[in-house]
Amino acid sequence: MLAFAKFKNRGWLTTDELAMEKEVRQFIEEEKHAHDIHCDVEISAMSDEQLRELLEGARRRMKARPKKKEKLLASMRRQILTRR
């Protein structure tokens, strides 16, 4: 995926993001779809500012995902405890 490679080549990714490459790529793809970006040609034409916005959007998605998981787990725990 071109977006990930551009982020990596520019040194914009953290060591954690580099270590979780597969997951980061997934969030970048989600962000691309949210912005109606469908191909690498569109990524190639983007300015650095637009690329940074794309990366920041993907980072927001990564941060939001664990919160959703924690809320779901807390809800499931409450349900289990109330059944006892």
N, C-alpha and C. Protein backbone atom coordinates (compact mmCIF):
# COMPACT_ATOMS: atom_id res chain seq x y z
N MET A 1 0.84 -1.17 0.00
CA MET A 1 0.00 0.00 0.00
C MET A 1 0.89 1.24 0.00
N LEU A 2 0.62 2.11 -0.91
CA LEU A 2 1.46 3.28 -1.13
C LEU A 2 1.43 4.25 0.05
N ALA A 3 0.26 4.46 0.65
CA ALA A 3 0.17 5.43 1.75
C ALA A 3 1.09 5.03 2.90
N PHE A 4 1.06 3.77 3.30
CA PHE A 4 1.93 3.32 4.39
C PHE A 4 3.39 3.53 4.03
N ALA A 5 3.76 3.19 2.80
CA ALA A 5 5.14 3.35 2.35
C ALA A 5 5.57 4.82 2.39
N LYS A 6 4.68 5.71 1.97
CA LYS A 6 5.00 7.14 2.01
C LYS A 6 5.20 7.60 3.44
N PHE A 7 4.31 7.17 4.34
CA PHE A 7 4.44 7.56 5.75
C PHE A 7 5.76 7.05 6.32
N LYS A 8 6.10 5.82 5.97
CA LYS A 8 7.33 5.20 6.47
C LYS A 8 8.56 5.92 5.92
N ASN A 9 8.56 6.19 4.63
CA ASN A 9 9.71 6.85 3.99
C ASN A 9 9.93 8.26 4.51
N ARG A 10 8.87 8.92 4.90
CA ARG A 10 8.99 10.29 5.42
C ARG A 10 9.32 10.30 6.92
N GLY A 11 9.34 9.13 7.54
CA GLY A 11 9.66 9.04 8.97
C GLY A 11 8.53 9.50 9.88
N TRP A 12 7.30 9.42 9.39
CA TRP A 12 6.15 9.90 10.15
C TRP A 12 5.57 8.85 11.08
N LEU A 13 5.95 7.59 10.94
CA LEU A 13 5.38 6.52 11.76
C LEU A 13 6.20 6.32 13.03
N THR A 14 5.51 6.04 14.12
CA THR A 14 6.20 5.75 15.37
C THR A 14 6.75 4.33 15.33
N THR A 15 7.60 4.00 16.26
CA THR A 15 8.13 2.63 16.31
C THR A 15 7.01 1.63 16.59
N ASP A 16 6.03 2.02 17.40
CA ASP A 16 4.88 1.14 17.66
C ASP A 16 4.09 0.90 16.38
N GLU A 17 3.88 1.96 15.61
CA GLU A 17 3.14 1.82 14.35
C GLU A 17 3.89 0.94 13.36
N LEU A 18 5.19 1.06 13.34
CA LEU A 18 5.99 0.21 12.46
C LEU A 18 5.92 -1.25 12.90
N ALA A 19 5.87 -1.48 14.20
CA ALA A 19 5.81 -2.84 14.72
C ALA A 19 4.44 -3.48 14.46
N MET A 20 3.40 -2.65 14.38
CA MET A 20 2.04 -3.15 14.14
C MET A 20 1.61 -2.83 12.71
N GLU A 21 2.49 -3.08 11.78
CA GLU A 21 2.27 -2.67 10.39
C GLU A 21 0.93 -3.14 9.83
N LYS A 22 0.59 -4.38 10.05
CA LYS A 22 -0.64 -4.93 9.48
C LYS A 22 -1.87 -4.17 9.99
N GLU A 23 -1.91 -3.93 11.30
CA GLU A 23 -3.05 -3.23 11.89
C GLU A 23 -3.10 -1.79 11.41
N VAL A 24 -1.95 -1.14 11.34
CA VAL A 24 -1.89 0.26 10.90
C VAL A 24 -2.37 0.36 9.45
N ARG A 25 -1.96 -0.57 8.63
CA ARG A 25 -2.41 -0.58 7.22
C ARG A 25 -3.93 -0.67 7.15
N GLN A 26 -4.52 -1.48 8.03
CA GLN A 26 -5.97 -1.65 8.04
C GLN A 26 -6.66 -0.31 8.38
N PHE A 27 -6.14 0.39 9.38
CA PHE A 27 -6.73 1.67 9.77
C PHE A 27 -6.54 2.72 8.68
N ILE A 28 -5.41 2.68 8.00
CA ILE A 28 -5.17 3.61 6.89
C ILE A 28 -6.19 3.33 5.78
N GLU A 29 -6.42 2.06 5.49
CA GLU A 29 -7.41 1.70 4.47
C GLU A 29 -8.80 2.21 4.85
N GLU A 30 -9.17 2.04 6.12
CA GLU A 30 -10.47 2.53 6.58
C GLU A 30 -10.57 4.04 6.39
N GLU A 31 -9.50 4.74 6.71
CA GLU A 31 -9.49 6.20 6.58
C GLU A 31 -9.56 6.60 5.11
N LYS A 32 -8.85 5.86 4.24
CA LYS A 32 -8.93 6.15 2.80
C LYS A 32 -10.35 6.01 2.30
N HIS A 33 -11.03 4.96 2.70
CA HIS A 33 -12.40 4.74 2.26
C HIS A 33 -13.32 5.83 2.80
N ALA A 34 -13.07 6.28 4.02
CA ALA A 34 -13.88 7.35 4.60
C ALA A 34 -13.75 8.65 3.80
N HIS A 35 -12.58 8.84 3.18
CA HIS A 35 -12.34 10.04 2.38
C HIS A 35 -12.54 9.78 0.89
N ASP A 36 -13.11 8.63 0.57
CA ASP A 36 -13.42 8.27 -0.81
C ASP A 36 -12.17 8.23 -1.69
N ILE A 37 -11.07 7.73 -1.13
CA ILE A 37 -9.82 7.56 -1.87
C ILE A 37 -9.72 6.09 -2.23
N HIS A 38 -9.68 5.80 -3.52
CA HIS A 38 -9.79 4.40 -3.95
C HIS A 38 -8.54 3.80 -4.57
N CYS A 39 -7.57 4.63 -4.93
CA CYS A 39 -6.41 4.04 -5.61
C CYS A 39 -5.13 4.79 -5.25
N ASP A 40 -4.02 4.15 -5.53
CA ASP A 40 -2.71 4.72 -5.23
C ASP A 40 -2.40 5.96 -6.06
N VAL A 41 -3.05 6.09 -7.22
CA VAL A 41 -2.84 7.28 -8.05
C VAL A 41 -3.30 8.52 -7.28
N GLU A 42 -4.41 8.38 -6.57
CA GLU A 42 -4.90 9.51 -5.76
C GLU A 42 -3.93 9.81 -4.61
N ILE A 43 -3.36 8.78 -4.01
CA ILE A 43 -2.37 8.97 -2.94
C ILE A 43 -1.15 9.69 -3.49
N SER A 44 -0.71 9.30 -4.67
CA SER A 44 0.47 9.92 -5.30
C SER A 44 0.28 11.41 -5.52
N ALA A 45 -0.95 11.82 -5.79
CA ALA A 45 -1.23 13.22 -6.10
C ALA A 45 -1.44 14.07 -4.85
N MET A 46 -1.48 13.46 -3.69
CA MET A 46 -1.75 14.19 -2.46
C MET A 46 -0.53 14.97 -1.97
N SER A 47 -0.80 16.13 -1.40
CA SER A 47 0.28 16.93 -0.81
C SER A 47 0.68 16.32 0.53
N ASP A 48 1.81 16.77 1.06
CA ASP A 48 2.23 16.29 2.37
C ASP A 48 1.18 16.62 3.44
N GLU A 49 0.57 17.77 3.33
CA GLU A 49 -0.45 18.16 4.30
C GLU A 49 -1.65 17.20 4.25
N GLN A 50 -2.08 16.85 3.05
CA GLN A 50 -3.19 15.90 2.90
C GLN A 50 -2.82 14.52 3.42
N LEU A 51 -1.57 14.12 3.15
CA LEU A 51 -1.10 12.82 3.65
C LEU A 51 -1.07 12.81 5.18
N ARG A 52 -0.62 13.90 5.77
CA ARG A 52 -0.60 13.99 7.24
C ARG A 52 -2.01 13.90 7.81
N GLU A 53 -2.97 14.55 7.15
CA GLU A 53 -4.36 14.48 7.59
C GLU A 53 -4.87 13.04 7.53
N LEU A 54 -4.50 12.33 6.49
CA LEU A 54 -4.89 10.93 6.35
C LEU A 54 -4.30 10.10 7.49
N LEU A 55 -3.03 10.31 7.78
CA LEU A 55 -2.37 9.58 8.86
C LEU A 55 -3.00 9.92 10.21
N GLU A 56 -3.28 11.20 10.45
CA GLU A 56 -3.90 11.59 11.72
C GLU A 56 -5.29 10.98 11.86
N GLY A 57 -6.03 10.89 10.78
CA GLY A 57 -7.33 10.24 10.81
C GLY A 57 -7.22 8.77 11.16
N ALA A 58 -6.23 8.11 10.59
CA ALA A 58 -5.99 6.70 10.89
C ALA A 58 -5.60 6.53 12.36
N ARG A 59 -4.80 7.46 12.88
CA ARG A 59 -4.41 7.40 14.30
C ARG A 59 -5.61 7.59 15.21
N ARG A 60 -6.52 8.49 14.83
CA ARG A 60 -7.74 8.67 15.63
C ARG A 60 -8.55 7.38 15.67
N ARG A 61 -8.63 6.71 14.54
CA ARG A 61 -9.35 5.43 14.47
C ARG A 61 -8.69 4.38 15.36
N MET A 62 -7.35 4.36 15.36
CA MET A 62 -6.63 3.39 16.19
C MET A 62 -6.89 3.64 17.67
N LYS A 63 -6.93 4.91 18.07
CA LYS A 63 -7.17 5.24 19.47
C LYS A 63 -8.60 4.93 19.87
N ALA A 64 -9.54 5.13 18.98
CA ALA A 64 -10.96 4.91 19.29
C ALA A 64 -11.30 3.43 19.40
N ARG A 65 -10.63 2.60 18.65
CA ARG A 65 -10.96 1.17 18.63
C ARG A 65 -10.82 0.51 20.00
N PRO A 66 -9.73 0.72 20.75
CA PRO A 66 -9.63 0.08 22.06
C PRO A 66 -10.71 0.56 23.03
N LYS A 67 -11.13 1.81 22.93
CA LYS A 67 -12.18 2.32 23.82
C LYS A 67 -13.49 1.58 23.56
N LYS A 68 -13.79 1.34 22.30
CA LYS A 68 -15.01 0.60 21.97
C LYS A 68 -14.94 -0.81 22.52
N LYS A 69 -13.77 -1.46 22.39
CA LYS A 69 -13.59 -2.81 22.90
C LYS A 69 -13.78 -2.84 24.41
N GLU A 70 -13.19 -1.88 25.11
CA GLU A 70 -13.29 -1.83 26.56
C GLU A 70 -14.75 -1.63 27.00
N LYS A 71 -15.48 -0.77 26.30
CA LYS A 71 -16.89 -0.55 26.63
C LYS A 71 -17.68 -1.83 26.44
N LEU A 72 -17.42 -2.54 25.37
CA LEU A 72 -18.11 -3.79 25.10
C LEU A 72 -17.79 -4.83 26.17
N LEU A 73 -16.52 -4.95 26.52
CA LEU A 73 -16.12 -5.91 27.56
C LEU A 73 -16.75 -5.56 28.90
N ALA A 74 -16.78 -4.29 29.25
CA ALA A 74 -17.39 -3.86 30.52
C ALA A 74 -18.88 -4.20 30.52
N SER A 75 -19.53 -3.98 29.42
CA SER A 75 -20.96 -4.30 29.31
C SER A 75 -21.19 -5.80 29.46
N MET A 76 -20.34 -6.60 28.83
CA MET A 76 -20.47 -8.06 28.92
C MET A 76 -20.22 -8.52 30.36
N ARG A 77 -19.25 -7.92 31.05
CA ARG A 77 -18.98 -8.28 32.45
C ARG A 77 -20.19 -7.97 33.33
N ARG A 78 -20.79 -6.80 33.12
CA ARG A 78 -21.97 -6.43 33.90
C ARG A 78 -23.10 -7.41 33.68
N GLN A 79 -23.30 -7.83 32.43
CA GLN A 79 -24.36 -8.78 32.12
C GLN A 79 -24.11 -10.12 32.82
N ILE A 80 -22.87 -10.56 32.80
CA ILE A 80 -22.52 -11.84 33.44
C ILE A 80 -22.74 -11.73 34.94
N LEU A 81 -22.33 -10.63 35.56
CA LEU A 81 -22.48 -10.46 37.00
C LEU A 81 -23.94 -10.36 37.42
N THR A 82 -24.77 -9.74 36.59
CA THR A 82 -26.18 -9.62 36.96
C THR A 82 -26.93 -10.93 36.79
N ARG A 83 -26.43 -11.84 36.02
CA ARG A 83 -27.07 -13.14 35.84
C ARG A 83 -26.85 -14.06 37.01
N ARG A 84 -25.85 -13.79 37.81
CA ARG A 84 -25.52 -14.68 38.93
C ARG A 84 -26.44 -14.52 40.07
